[in-house]
Amino acid sequence: MAAGFEQMDVPFATAAAWFAALVELIGGAALVVGLVTPLAGILLVVDMVGAYIFAHVGNGMFVDQDGAELVLALGAASLVFAGIGGGRLSLDHVIAPRLGVAKGSKARASAG
């Protein structure tokens, strides 16, 4: 994988390859189960921005031309998950109350 990144002139190709592999595997799994959803979403957005810049820019829009269609869709979806979280069926929703983290608790604390 690092060799492919070197061919695309990605800076720090080995580190970038490890980052991409770990973020896509672990971050993708975290999004599926809804665990640390905002963090996983942000890391995946960063990964997709890098993929767009180094592999897909200038190739058109559609996947059959090695374009940016899928990268942009995945990046946009990851950004949505980073912004709104995993929802009521996520592990974040199950775990947060047990950790004493309630959604909007900062806003209530500052208002009162």
N, C-alpha and C. Protein backbone atom coordinates (compact mmCIF):
# COMPACT_ATOMS: atom_id res chain seq x y z
N MET A 1 0.82 -1.18 0.00
CA MET A 1 0.00 0.00 0.00
C MET A 1 0.87 1.26 0.00
N ALA A 2 1.94 1.25 0.78
CA ALA A 2 2.83 2.42 0.83
C ALA A 2 3.47 2.67 -0.53
N ALA A 3 3.74 1.61 -1.27
CA ALA A 3 4.34 1.78 -2.61
C ALA A 3 3.38 2.53 -3.53
N GLY A 4 2.10 2.22 -3.43
CA GLY A 4 1.11 2.93 -4.23
C GLY A 4 1.03 4.40 -3.85
N PHE A 5 1.15 4.67 -2.55
CA PHE A 5 1.12 6.06 -2.10
C PHE A 5 2.36 6.80 -2.59
N GLU A 6 3.50 6.12 -2.63
CA GLU A 6 4.73 6.74 -3.15
C GLU A 6 4.58 7.07 -4.62
N GLN A 7 3.95 6.18 -5.39
CA GLN A 7 3.75 6.43 -6.82
C GLN A 7 2.84 7.63 -7.06
N MET A 8 1.94 7.91 -6.12
CA MET A 8 1.05 9.06 -6.24
C MET A 8 1.66 10.32 -5.62
N ASP A 9 2.91 10.23 -5.21
CA ASP A 9 3.63 11.34 -4.58
C ASP A 9 2.96 11.86 -3.31
N VAL A 10 2.41 10.95 -2.53
CA VAL A 10 1.83 11.32 -1.24
C VAL A 10 2.97 11.57 -0.27
N PRO A 11 2.99 12.71 0.41
CA PRO A 11 4.05 12.96 1.40
C PRO A 11 3.97 11.94 2.53
N PHE A 12 5.13 11.55 3.04
CA PHE A 12 5.20 10.58 4.14
C PHE A 12 4.34 9.36 3.80
N ALA A 13 4.65 8.73 2.68
CA ALA A 13 3.81 7.68 2.10
C ALA A 13 3.53 6.54 3.06
N THR A 14 4.53 6.08 3.79
CA THR A 14 4.31 4.96 4.71
C THR A 14 3.37 5.36 5.83
N ALA A 15 3.60 6.51 6.43
CA ALA A 15 2.72 6.98 7.51
C ALA A 15 1.31 7.23 6.98
N ALA A 16 1.21 7.80 5.79
CA ALA A 16 -0.10 8.07 5.20
C ALA A 16 -0.84 6.77 4.90
N ALA A 17 -0.11 5.75 4.45
CA ALA A 17 -0.73 4.45 4.17
C ALA A 17 -1.25 3.82 5.46
N TRP A 18 -0.48 3.88 6.51
CA TRP A 18 -0.93 3.35 7.81
C TRP A 18 -2.14 4.13 8.30
N PHE A 19 -2.10 5.46 8.21
CA PHE A 19 -3.23 6.28 8.63
C PHE A 19 -4.49 5.89 7.87
N ALA A 20 -4.38 5.81 6.55
CA ALA A 20 -5.55 5.48 5.72
C ALA A 20 -6.08 4.09 6.07
N ALA A 21 -5.19 3.12 6.20
CA ALA A 21 -5.63 1.75 6.49
C ALA A 21 -6.33 1.66 7.85
N LEU A 22 -5.73 2.27 8.85
CA LEU A 22 -6.31 2.19 10.20
C LEU A 22 -7.61 2.98 10.31
N VAL A 23 -7.62 4.17 9.72
CA VAL A 23 -8.84 4.99 9.79
C VAL A 23 -9.97 4.32 9.03
N GLU A 24 -9.69 3.78 7.87
CA GLU A 24 -10.74 3.15 7.09
C GLU A 24 -11.25 1.87 7.75
N LEU A 25 -10.36 1.09 8.35
CA LEU A 25 -10.78 -0.15 9.00
C LEU A 25 -11.46 0.12 10.34
N ILE A 26 -10.74 0.79 11.23
CA ILE A 26 -11.26 1.01 12.58
C ILE A 26 -12.34 2.09 12.58
N GLY A 27 -12.10 3.19 11.86
CA GLY A 27 -13.10 4.25 11.78
C GLY A 27 -14.38 3.80 11.10
N GLY A 28 -14.24 3.02 10.06
CA GLY A 28 -15.42 2.48 9.38
C GLY A 28 -16.22 1.56 10.28
N ALA A 29 -15.52 0.70 11.02
CA ALA A 29 -16.21 -0.19 11.96
C ALA A 29 -16.87 0.62 13.07
N ALA A 30 -16.19 1.67 13.54
CA ALA A 30 -16.76 2.52 14.59
C ALA A 30 -18.03 3.21 14.09
N LEU A 31 -18.05 3.65 12.84
CA LEU A 31 -19.27 4.26 12.29
C LEU A 31 -20.40 3.25 12.21
N VAL A 32 -20.08 2.02 11.84
CA VAL A 32 -21.12 0.99 11.70
C VAL A 32 -21.82 0.74 13.03
N VAL A 33 -21.06 0.66 14.12
CA VAL A 33 -21.66 0.39 15.42
C VAL A 33 -22.00 1.65 16.19
N GLY A 34 -21.59 2.80 15.70
CA GLY A 34 -21.90 4.06 16.35
C GLY A 34 -21.07 4.34 17.58
N LEU A 35 -19.80 4.02 17.53
CA LEU A 35 -18.90 4.23 18.66
C LEU A 35 -17.95 5.38 18.32
N VAL A 36 -17.81 6.33 19.20
CA VAL A 36 -17.03 7.56 18.99
C VAL A 36 -17.29 8.14 17.59
N THR A 37 -18.56 8.24 17.29
CA THR A 37 -19.01 8.62 15.95
C THR A 37 -18.45 9.95 15.47
N PRO A 38 -18.48 11.03 16.26
CA PRO A 38 -17.93 12.30 15.76
C PRO A 38 -16.44 12.21 15.42
N LEU A 39 -15.66 11.57 16.27
CA LEU A 39 -14.23 11.43 16.01
C LEU A 39 -13.98 10.58 14.77
N ALA A 40 -14.66 9.46 14.67
CA ALA A 40 -14.50 8.59 13.49
C ALA A 40 -14.90 9.33 12.22
N GLY A 41 -15.97 10.09 12.29
CA GLY A 41 -16.41 10.86 11.12
C GLY A 41 -15.39 11.88 10.68
N ILE A 42 -14.81 12.61 11.63
CA ILE A 42 -13.80 13.62 11.29
C ILE A 42 -12.57 12.97 10.68
N LEU A 43 -12.10 11.88 11.27
CA LEU A 43 -10.92 11.19 10.73
C LEU A 43 -11.18 10.66 9.33
N LEU A 44 -12.38 10.15 9.09
CA LEU A 44 -12.71 9.67 7.75
C LEU A 44 -12.84 10.81 6.74
N VAL A 45 -13.32 11.97 7.17
CA VAL A 45 -13.35 13.13 6.28
C VAL A 45 -11.93 13.51 5.88
N VAL A 46 -11.02 13.56 6.85
CA VAL A 46 -9.62 13.88 6.56
C VAL A 46 -9.04 12.86 5.57
N ASP A 47 -9.36 11.59 5.78
CA ASP A 47 -8.89 10.53 4.89
C ASP A 47 -9.42 10.73 3.47
N MET A 48 -10.69 11.07 3.34
CA MET A 48 -11.29 11.26 2.02
C MET A 48 -10.77 12.52 1.33
N VAL A 49 -10.48 13.57 2.10
CA VAL A 49 -9.87 14.77 1.51
C VAL A 49 -8.50 14.41 0.92
N GLY A 50 -7.73 13.64 1.67
CA GLY A 50 -6.43 13.19 1.15
C GLY A 50 -6.57 12.32 -0.09
N ALA A 51 -7.55 11.42 -0.07
CA ALA A 51 -7.78 10.57 -1.25
C ALA A 51 -8.15 11.40 -2.46
N TYR A 52 -8.99 12.41 -2.24
CA TYR A 52 -9.39 13.27 -3.35
C TYR A 52 -8.20 14.03 -3.91
N ILE A 53 -7.42 14.65 -3.03
CA ILE A 53 -6.30 15.49 -3.47
C ILE A 53 -5.23 14.67 -4.18
N PHE A 54 -4.87 13.53 -3.62
CA PHE A 54 -3.73 12.78 -4.15
C PHE A 54 -4.08 11.73 -5.19
N ALA A 55 -5.34 11.29 -5.25
CA ALA A 55 -5.65 10.20 -6.17
C ALA A 55 -6.73 10.52 -7.19
N HIS A 56 -7.65 11.44 -6.90
CA HIS A 56 -8.81 11.58 -7.76
C HIS A 56 -8.97 12.94 -8.43
N VAL A 57 -8.30 13.96 -7.95
CA VAL A 57 -8.47 15.28 -8.55
C VAL A 57 -8.00 15.24 -10.01
N GLY A 58 -8.76 15.82 -10.87
CA GLY A 58 -8.41 15.86 -12.29
C GLY A 58 -8.84 14.64 -13.07
N ASN A 59 -9.50 13.68 -12.42
CA ASN A 59 -9.93 12.47 -13.12
C ASN A 59 -11.40 12.48 -13.49
N GLY A 60 -12.04 13.61 -13.34
CA GLY A 60 -13.46 13.67 -13.62
C GLY A 60 -14.27 13.32 -12.38
N MET A 61 -15.54 13.10 -12.57
CA MET A 61 -16.43 12.90 -11.45
C MET A 61 -16.75 11.44 -11.18
N PHE A 62 -16.87 10.63 -12.20
CA PHE A 62 -17.45 9.31 -12.04
C PHE A 62 -16.41 8.23 -11.77
N VAL A 63 -16.85 7.23 -11.00
CA VAL A 63 -15.96 6.16 -10.54
C VAL A 63 -15.35 5.39 -11.71
N ASP A 64 -16.07 5.19 -12.79
CA ASP A 64 -15.54 4.42 -13.91
C ASP A 64 -14.35 5.10 -14.58
N GLN A 65 -14.15 6.39 -14.28
CA GLN A 65 -12.99 7.14 -14.80
C GLN A 65 -11.99 7.43 -13.67
N ASP A 66 -12.09 6.67 -12.57
CA ASP A 66 -11.28 6.89 -11.38
C ASP A 66 -11.51 8.28 -10.81
N GLY A 67 -12.75 8.74 -10.93
CA GLY A 67 -13.11 10.08 -10.49
C GLY A 67 -13.45 10.14 -9.01
N ALA A 68 -13.96 11.27 -8.60
CA ALA A 68 -14.13 11.60 -7.19
C ALA A 68 -15.52 11.29 -6.64
N GLU A 69 -16.39 10.72 -7.42
CA GLU A 69 -17.77 10.50 -7.01
C GLU A 69 -17.88 9.77 -5.67
N LEU A 70 -17.26 8.62 -5.54
CA LEU A 70 -17.35 7.82 -4.31
C LEU A 70 -16.64 8.51 -3.15
N VAL A 71 -15.48 9.09 -3.41
CA VAL A 71 -14.72 9.78 -2.36
C VAL A 71 -15.52 10.95 -1.80
N LEU A 72 -16.16 11.72 -2.67
CA LEU A 72 -16.98 12.85 -2.22
C LEU A 72 -18.20 12.38 -1.44
N ALA A 73 -18.83 11.30 -1.90
CA ALA A 73 -20.01 10.77 -1.20
C ALA A 73 -19.63 10.25 0.19
N LEU A 74 -18.53 9.51 0.27
CA LEU A 74 -18.08 8.99 1.57
C LEU A 74 -17.66 10.12 2.50
N GLY A 75 -16.97 11.11 1.95
CA GLY A 75 -16.57 12.26 2.76
C GLY A 75 -17.76 13.04 3.28
N ALA A 76 -18.76 13.24 2.43
CA ALA A 76 -19.96 13.97 2.85
C ALA A 76 -20.73 13.19 3.92
N ALA A 77 -20.88 11.90 3.73
CA ALA A 77 -21.57 11.07 4.73
C ALA A 77 -20.82 11.07 6.06
N SER A 78 -19.50 11.00 6.01
CA SER A 78 -18.69 11.03 7.23
C SER A 78 -18.84 12.37 7.94
N LEU A 79 -18.92 13.44 7.16
CA LEU A 79 -19.10 14.77 7.74
C LEU A 79 -20.46 14.88 8.44
N VAL A 80 -21.48 14.29 7.85
CA VAL A 80 -22.80 14.29 8.47
C VAL A 80 -22.75 13.52 9.80
N PHE A 81 -22.14 12.35 9.80
CA PHE A 81 -22.02 11.57 11.04
C PHE A 81 -21.21 12.32 12.09
N ALA A 82 -20.17 13.01 11.67
CA ALA A 82 -19.37 13.80 12.62
C ALA A 82 -20.21 14.91 13.24
N GLY A 83 -21.11 15.48 12.46
CA GLY A 83 -21.91 16.59 12.94
C GLY A 83 -23.09 16.19 13.80
N ILE A 84 -23.78 15.11 13.44
CA ILE A 84 -25.00 14.77 14.17
C ILE A 84 -24.84 13.57 15.10
N GLY A 85 -23.75 12.85 14.99
CA GLY A 85 -23.55 11.70 15.86
C GLY A 85 -24.24 10.46 15.33
N GLY A 86 -24.23 9.43 16.13
CA GLY A 86 -24.73 8.13 15.70
C GLY A 86 -26.21 7.90 15.89
N GLY A 87 -26.87 8.69 16.71
CA GLY A 87 -28.30 8.51 16.91
C GLY A 87 -28.62 7.55 18.03
N ARG A 88 -29.91 7.28 18.19
CA ARG A 88 -30.35 6.51 19.35
C ARG A 88 -30.03 5.02 19.28
N LEU A 89 -29.70 4.50 18.12
CA LEU A 89 -29.34 3.09 18.01
C LEU A 89 -27.83 2.86 18.06
N SER A 90 -27.07 3.88 18.39
CA SER A 90 -25.61 3.76 18.40
C SER A 90 -25.09 3.36 19.78
N LEU A 91 -23.88 2.84 19.81
CA LEU A 91 -23.23 2.55 21.09
C LEU A 91 -22.95 3.83 21.86
N ASP A 92 -22.69 4.92 21.16
CA ASP A 92 -22.50 6.21 21.83
C ASP A 92 -23.72 6.55 22.68
N HIS A 93 -24.89 6.32 22.15
CA HIS A 93 -26.14 6.62 22.85
C HIS A 93 -26.31 5.72 24.08
N VAL A 94 -25.86 4.48 23.98
CA VAL A 94 -25.97 3.54 25.09
C VAL A 94 -24.94 3.84 26.17
N ILE A 95 -23.72 4.18 25.76
CA ILE A 95 -22.61 4.35 26.70
C ILE A 95 -22.60 5.72 27.36
N ALA A 96 -22.95 6.78 26.63
CA ALA A 96 -22.83 8.15 27.14
C ALA A 96 -23.55 8.38 28.47
N PRO A 97 -24.80 7.93 28.65
CA PRO A 97 -25.46 8.16 29.94
C PRO A 97 -24.73 7.47 31.10
N ARG A 98 -24.14 6.33 30.84
CA ARG A 98 -23.41 5.60 31.88
C ARG A 98 -22.12 6.31 32.28
N LEU A 99 -21.58 7.11 31.36
CA LEU A 99 -20.36 7.87 31.65
C LEU A 99 -20.68 9.24 32.23
N GLY A 100 -21.95 9.57 32.33
CA GLY A 100 -22.35 10.88 32.84
C GLY A 100 -22.28 11.97 31.80
N VAL A 101 -22.22 11.59 30.55
CA VAL A 101 -22.18 12.56 29.46
C VAL A 101 -23.56 12.63 28.83
N ALA A 102 -24.24 13.72 29.07
CA ALA A 102 -25.56 13.89 28.49
C ALA A 102 -25.49 14.91 27.37
N LYS A 103 -26.20 14.67 26.30
CA LYS A 103 -26.20 15.58 25.18
C LYS A 103 -26.82 16.91 25.61
N GLY A 104 -26.09 18.00 25.36
CA GLY A 104 -26.58 19.32 25.71
C GLY A 104 -26.32 19.70 27.16
N SER A 105 -25.57 18.88 27.91
CA SER A 105 -25.33 19.17 29.32
C SER A 105 -24.48 20.43 29.49
N LYS A 106 -23.61 20.73 28.57
CA LYS A 106 -22.81 21.95 28.65
C LYS A 106 -23.68 23.18 28.51
N ALA A 107 -24.65 23.11 27.60
CA ALA A 107 -25.54 24.25 27.39
C ALA A 107 -26.40 24.49 28.62
N ARG A 108 -26.89 23.43 29.25
CA ARG A 108 -27.70 23.58 30.46
C ARG A 108 -26.89 24.09 31.62
N ALA A 109 -25.64 23.64 31.73
CA ALA A 109 -24.78 24.06 32.84
C ALA A 109 -24.44 25.55 32.72
N SER A 110 -24.20 26.02 31.51
CA SER A 110 -23.85 27.42 31.33
C SER A 110 -25.08 28.33 31.46
N ALA A 111 -26.26 27.81 31.17
CA ALA A 111 -27.48 28.61 31.27
C ALA A 111 -27.90 28.79 32.73
N GLY A 112 -27.57 27.82 33.57
CA GLY A 112 -28.08 27.86 34.95
C GLY A 112 -27.06 28.23 35.90
